[in-house]
């Protein structure tokens, strides 16, 4: 405690359940980012065009769609990366 303020030392003072919940959320978010990157790389292999087109608006829409899809994939079990990271990192 410094000047009446409790310092957060990386979660050392937090309840174990709270730390694990935060860690699990961070692992799922990492998995979501990884899946979004995979989707972006996969999209590059497909010929351009289609109903959305390649305008700036179309690119933004595709990017937002990929991010939302990746988040949904990660939160519904994903590819197992988030859970594997969680198990490796937790104490």
N, C-alpha and C. Protein backbone atom coordinates (compact mmCIF):
# COMPACT_ATOMS: atom_id res chain seq x y z
N UNK A 1 0.85 -1.15 0.00
CA UNK A 1 0.00 0.00 0.00
C UNK A 1 0.91 1.23 0.00
N UNK A 2 0.63 2.15 -0.92
CA UNK A 2 1.38 3.39 -1.03
C UNK A 2 0.41 4.54 -0.89
N UNK A 3 0.59 5.38 0.13
CA UNK A 3 -0.28 6.53 0.37
C UNK A 3 -1.76 6.12 0.39
N UNK A 4 -2.06 5.01 1.01
CA UNK A 4 -3.44 4.58 1.14
C UNK A 4 -4.01 3.92 -0.11
N UNK A 5 -3.18 3.70 -1.14
CA UNK A 5 -3.64 3.08 -2.39
C UNK A 5 -3.04 1.69 -2.47
N UNK A 6 -3.88 0.71 -2.72
CA UNK A 6 -3.42 -0.66 -2.88
C UNK A 6 -2.92 -0.82 -4.31
N UNK A 7 -1.68 -1.26 -4.45
CA UNK A 7 -1.10 -1.46 -5.77
C UNK A 7 -1.44 -2.84 -6.28
N UNK A 8 -1.76 -2.93 -7.57
CA UNK A 8 -2.02 -4.22 -8.20
C UNK A 8 -0.70 -4.74 -8.75
N UNK A 9 -0.21 -5.78 -8.19
CA UNK A 9 1.07 -6.34 -8.61
C UNK A 9 0.84 -7.52 -9.55
N UNK A 10 0.25 -7.23 -10.70
CA UNK A 10 0.01 -8.28 -11.67
C UNK A 10 -1.02 -9.28 -11.23
N UNK A 11 -1.90 -8.91 -10.36
CA UNK A 11 -2.95 -9.81 -9.91
C UNK A 11 -2.56 -10.63 -8.70
N UNK A 12 -1.40 -10.35 -8.09
CA UNK A 12 -0.94 -11.14 -6.95
C UNK A 12 -1.90 -11.06 -5.77
N UNK A 13 -2.58 -9.92 -5.59
CA UNK A 13 -3.48 -9.76 -4.47
C UNK A 13 -4.91 -10.15 -4.77
N UNK A 14 -5.18 -10.55 -6.00
CA UNK A 14 -6.54 -10.90 -6.40
C UNK A 14 -6.89 -12.32 -6.01
N UNK A 15 -8.15 -12.56 -5.86
CA UNK A 15 -8.66 -13.90 -5.62
C UNK A 15 -8.29 -14.80 -6.79
N UNK A 16 -8.00 -16.05 -6.51
CA UNK A 16 -7.58 -16.99 -7.55
C UNK A 16 -8.63 -17.10 -8.66
N UNK A 17 -9.91 -17.11 -8.30
CA UNK A 17 -10.97 -17.22 -9.30
C UNK A 17 -10.99 -16.01 -10.23
N UNK A 18 -10.75 -14.83 -9.67
CA UNK A 18 -10.74 -13.60 -10.48
C UNK A 18 -9.55 -13.63 -11.43
N UNK A 19 -8.39 -14.03 -10.92
CA UNK A 19 -7.19 -14.12 -11.77
C UNK A 19 -7.42 -15.10 -12.91
N UNK A 20 -7.99 -16.27 -12.60
CA UNK A 20 -8.22 -17.26 -13.64
C UNK A 20 -9.25 -16.79 -14.66
N UNK A 21 -10.27 -16.06 -14.22
CA UNK A 21 -11.27 -15.53 -15.15
C UNK A 21 -10.63 -14.51 -16.09
N UNK A 22 -9.77 -13.64 -15.54
CA UNK A 22 -9.08 -12.66 -16.38
C UNK A 22 -8.14 -13.35 -17.35
N UNK A 23 -7.41 -14.35 -16.88
CA UNK A 23 -6.49 -15.08 -17.74
C UNK A 23 -7.24 -15.81 -18.85
N UNK A 24 -8.36 -16.45 -18.49
CA UNK A 24 -9.15 -17.15 -19.50
C UNK A 24 -9.66 -16.19 -20.57
N UNK A 25 -10.13 -15.01 -20.14
CA UNK A 25 -10.62 -14.00 -21.09
C UNK A 25 -9.49 -13.54 -22.00
N UNK A 26 -8.31 -13.31 -21.44
CA UNK A 26 -7.16 -12.87 -22.24
C UNK A 26 -6.76 -13.95 -23.24
N UNK A 27 -6.81 -15.20 -22.83
CA UNK A 27 -6.46 -16.31 -23.74
C UNK A 27 -7.48 -16.42 -24.87
N UNK A 28 -8.76 -16.24 -24.55
CA UNK A 28 -9.79 -16.27 -25.60
C UNK A 28 -9.63 -15.11 -26.56
N UNK A 29 -9.28 -13.93 -26.04
CA UNK A 29 -9.07 -12.78 -26.91
C UNK A 29 -7.86 -13.00 -27.81
N UNK A 30 -6.80 -13.62 -27.27
CA UNK A 30 -5.65 -13.94 -28.11
C UNK A 30 -6.03 -14.91 -29.20
N UNK A 31 -6.81 -15.94 -28.85
CA UNK A 31 -7.25 -16.90 -29.85
C UNK A 31 -8.09 -16.20 -30.93
N UNK A 32 -8.93 -15.28 -30.51
CA UNK A 32 -9.75 -14.53 -31.45
C UNK A 32 -8.88 -13.73 -32.42
N UNK A 33 -7.85 -13.08 -31.91
CA UNK A 33 -6.93 -12.34 -32.78
C UNK A 33 -6.21 -13.27 -33.74
N UNK A 34 -5.80 -14.42 -33.26
CA UNK A 34 -5.11 -15.40 -34.09
C UNK A 34 -6.02 -15.90 -35.21
N UNK A 35 -7.25 -16.22 -34.87
CA UNK A 35 -8.22 -16.69 -35.87
C UNK A 35 -8.52 -15.58 -36.88
N UNK A 36 -8.64 -14.34 -36.41
CA UNK A 36 -8.87 -13.22 -37.33
C UNK A 36 -7.72 -13.07 -38.31
N UNK A 37 -6.50 -13.24 -37.83
CA UNK A 37 -5.33 -13.18 -38.70
C UNK A 37 -5.36 -14.32 -39.73
N UNK A 38 -5.75 -15.51 -39.27
CA UNK A 38 -5.88 -16.65 -40.19
C UNK A 38 -6.92 -16.37 -41.26
N UNK A 39 -8.08 -15.83 -40.86
CA UNK A 39 -9.14 -15.52 -41.82
C UNK A 39 -8.68 -14.48 -42.83
N UNK A 40 -7.94 -13.49 -42.36
CA UNK A 40 -7.41 -12.46 -43.27
C UNK A 40 -6.46 -13.08 -44.28
N UNK A 41 -5.59 -13.97 -43.81
CA UNK A 41 -4.65 -14.64 -44.72
C UNK A 41 -5.40 -15.55 -45.69
N UNK A 42 -6.44 -16.22 -45.22
CA UNK A 42 -7.22 -17.10 -46.09
C UNK A 42 -7.98 -16.30 -47.14
N UNK A 43 -8.47 -15.12 -46.75
CA UNK A 43 -9.22 -14.28 -47.68
C UNK A 43 -8.35 -13.84 -48.85
N UNK A 44 -7.04 -13.67 -48.62
CA UNK A 44 -6.12 -13.26 -49.68
C UNK A 44 -5.98 -14.33 -50.77
N UNK A 45 -6.32 -15.58 -50.45
CA UNK A 45 -6.19 -16.66 -51.42
C UNK A 45 -7.39 -16.78 -52.35
N UNK A 46 -8.47 -16.05 -52.04
CA UNK A 46 -9.71 -16.13 -52.82
C UNK A 46 -9.73 -14.97 -53.81
N UNK A 47 -10.24 -15.25 -55.02
CA UNK A 47 -10.30 -14.20 -56.03
C UNK A 47 -11.22 -13.07 -55.55
N UNK A 48 -10.85 -11.85 -55.91
CA UNK A 48 -11.61 -10.68 -55.47
C UNK A 48 -12.87 -10.52 -56.30
N UNK A 49 -13.74 -9.68 -55.81
CA UNK A 49 -14.99 -9.43 -56.51
C UNK A 49 -16.16 -9.85 -55.66
N UNK A 50 -17.23 -10.26 -56.29
CA UNK A 50 -18.42 -10.66 -55.55
C UNK A 50 -19.33 -9.49 -55.30
N UNK A 51 -20.39 -9.71 -54.56
CA UNK A 51 -21.38 -8.65 -54.36
C UNK A 51 -20.86 -7.47 -53.52
N UNK A 52 -19.87 -7.70 -52.67
CA UNK A 52 -19.37 -6.63 -51.82
C UNK A 52 -18.36 -5.76 -52.57
N UNK A 53 -17.57 -6.38 -53.42
CA UNK A 53 -16.59 -5.64 -54.18
C UNK A 53 -15.35 -5.30 -53.38
N UNK A 54 -14.46 -4.53 -53.98
CA UNK A 54 -13.20 -4.18 -53.34
C UNK A 54 -13.09 -2.69 -53.05
N UNK A 55 -14.21 -2.03 -52.84
CA UNK A 55 -14.18 -0.62 -52.45
C UNK A 55 -13.68 -0.52 -51.02
N UNK A 56 -13.39 0.69 -50.57
CA UNK A 56 -12.98 0.88 -49.18
C UNK A 56 -14.05 0.38 -48.22
N UNK A 57 -15.31 0.65 -48.56
CA UNK A 57 -16.40 0.19 -47.71
C UNK A 57 -16.46 -1.33 -47.66
N UNK A 58 -16.24 -1.97 -48.82
CA UNK A 58 -16.24 -3.43 -48.86
C UNK A 58 -15.12 -4.02 -48.04
N UNK A 59 -13.94 -3.41 -48.09
CA UNK A 59 -12.80 -3.89 -47.31
C UNK A 59 -13.08 -3.74 -45.82
N UNK A 60 -13.67 -2.61 -45.42
CA UNK A 60 -14.00 -2.40 -44.01
C UNK A 60 -15.03 -3.43 -43.55
N UNK A 61 -16.06 -3.67 -44.39
CA UNK A 61 -17.08 -4.65 -44.05
C UNK A 61 -16.47 -6.03 -43.86
N UNK A 62 -15.60 -6.44 -44.80
CA UNK A 62 -14.98 -7.76 -44.71
C UNK A 62 -14.11 -7.87 -43.46
N UNK A 63 -13.38 -6.81 -43.14
CA UNK A 63 -12.53 -6.81 -41.96
C UNK A 63 -13.37 -6.94 -40.69
N UNK A 64 -14.45 -6.17 -40.62
CA UNK A 64 -15.34 -6.24 -39.45
C UNK A 64 -16.00 -7.61 -39.35
N UNK A 65 -16.40 -8.16 -40.49
CA UNK A 65 -17.02 -9.48 -40.50
C UNK A 65 -16.03 -10.54 -40.00
N UNK A 66 -14.79 -10.48 -40.48
CA UNK A 66 -13.77 -11.45 -40.05
C UNK A 66 -13.50 -11.34 -38.56
N UNK A 67 -13.44 -10.12 -38.02
CA UNK A 67 -13.21 -9.95 -36.59
C UNK A 67 -14.36 -10.53 -35.77
N UNK A 68 -15.58 -10.26 -36.19
CA UNK A 68 -16.75 -10.77 -35.47
C UNK A 68 -16.82 -12.30 -35.57
N UNK A 69 -16.53 -12.83 -36.75
CA UNK A 69 -16.52 -14.27 -36.94
C UNK A 69 -15.45 -14.92 -36.06
N UNK A 70 -14.26 -14.33 -36.01
CA UNK A 70 -13.18 -14.86 -35.19
C UNK A 70 -13.55 -14.85 -33.72
N UNK A 71 -14.20 -13.79 -33.26
CA UNK A 71 -14.63 -13.71 -31.87
C UNK A 71 -15.66 -14.80 -31.57
N UNK A 72 -16.60 -15.01 -32.48
CA UNK A 72 -17.59 -16.07 -32.31
C UNK A 72 -16.96 -17.44 -32.28
N UNK A 73 -15.99 -17.66 -33.15
CA UNK A 73 -15.29 -18.95 -33.18
C UNK A 73 -14.57 -19.19 -31.87
N UNK A 74 -13.85 -18.19 -31.40
CA UNK A 74 -13.07 -18.34 -30.16
C UNK A 74 -13.98 -18.61 -28.96
N UNK A 75 -15.12 -17.91 -28.88
CA UNK A 75 -16.01 -18.07 -27.73
C UNK A 75 -16.87 -19.33 -27.79
N UNK A 76 -16.88 -20.00 -28.93
CA UNK A 76 -17.67 -21.23 -29.02
C UNK A 76 -16.79 -22.47 -29.02
N UNK A 77 -15.61 -22.36 -28.46
CA UNK A 77 -14.71 -23.50 -28.38
C UNK A 77 -13.49 -23.33 -29.25
N UNK A 78 -13.64 -22.58 -30.32
CA UNK A 78 -12.53 -22.23 -31.19
C UNK A 78 -11.74 -23.41 -31.70
N UNK A 79 -10.46 -23.16 -31.86
CA UNK A 79 -9.55 -24.19 -32.36
C UNK A 79 -8.74 -24.81 -31.23
N UNK A 80 -9.06 -24.41 -30.00
CA UNK A 80 -8.41 -24.98 -28.83
C UNK A 80 -7.17 -24.22 -28.37
N UNK A 81 -6.77 -23.20 -29.10
CA UNK A 81 -5.57 -22.45 -28.75
C UNK A 81 -5.74 -21.70 -27.43
N UNK A 82 -6.87 -21.04 -27.24
CA UNK A 82 -7.10 -20.29 -26.02
C UNK A 82 -7.09 -21.17 -24.79
N UNK A 83 -7.74 -22.31 -24.86
CA UNK A 83 -7.79 -23.23 -23.72
C UNK A 83 -6.40 -23.81 -23.45
N UNK A 84 -5.66 -24.13 -24.50
CA UNK A 84 -4.32 -24.67 -24.33
C UNK A 84 -3.41 -23.63 -23.66
N UNK A 85 -3.49 -22.37 -24.09
CA UNK A 85 -2.70 -21.31 -23.46
C UNK A 85 -3.09 -21.15 -22.00
N UNK A 86 -4.38 -21.17 -21.73
CA UNK A 86 -4.86 -21.04 -20.35
C UNK A 86 -4.27 -22.13 -19.47
N UNK A 87 -4.31 -23.35 -19.92
CA UNK A 87 -3.80 -24.48 -19.13
C UNK A 87 -2.29 -24.38 -18.92
N UNK A 88 -1.56 -23.85 -19.91
CA UNK A 88 -0.11 -23.71 -19.78
C UNK A 88 0.29 -22.58 -18.83
N UNK A 89 -0.51 -21.50 -18.81
CA UNK A 89 -0.12 -20.31 -18.07
C UNK A 89 -0.62 -20.32 -16.62
N UNK A 90 -1.81 -20.88 -16.39
CA UNK A 90 -2.38 -20.80 -15.03
C UNK A 90 -1.46 -21.48 -14.03
N UNK A 91 -1.57 -21.04 -12.83
CA UNK A 91 -0.71 -21.57 -11.76
C UNK A 91 -1.22 -22.88 -11.23
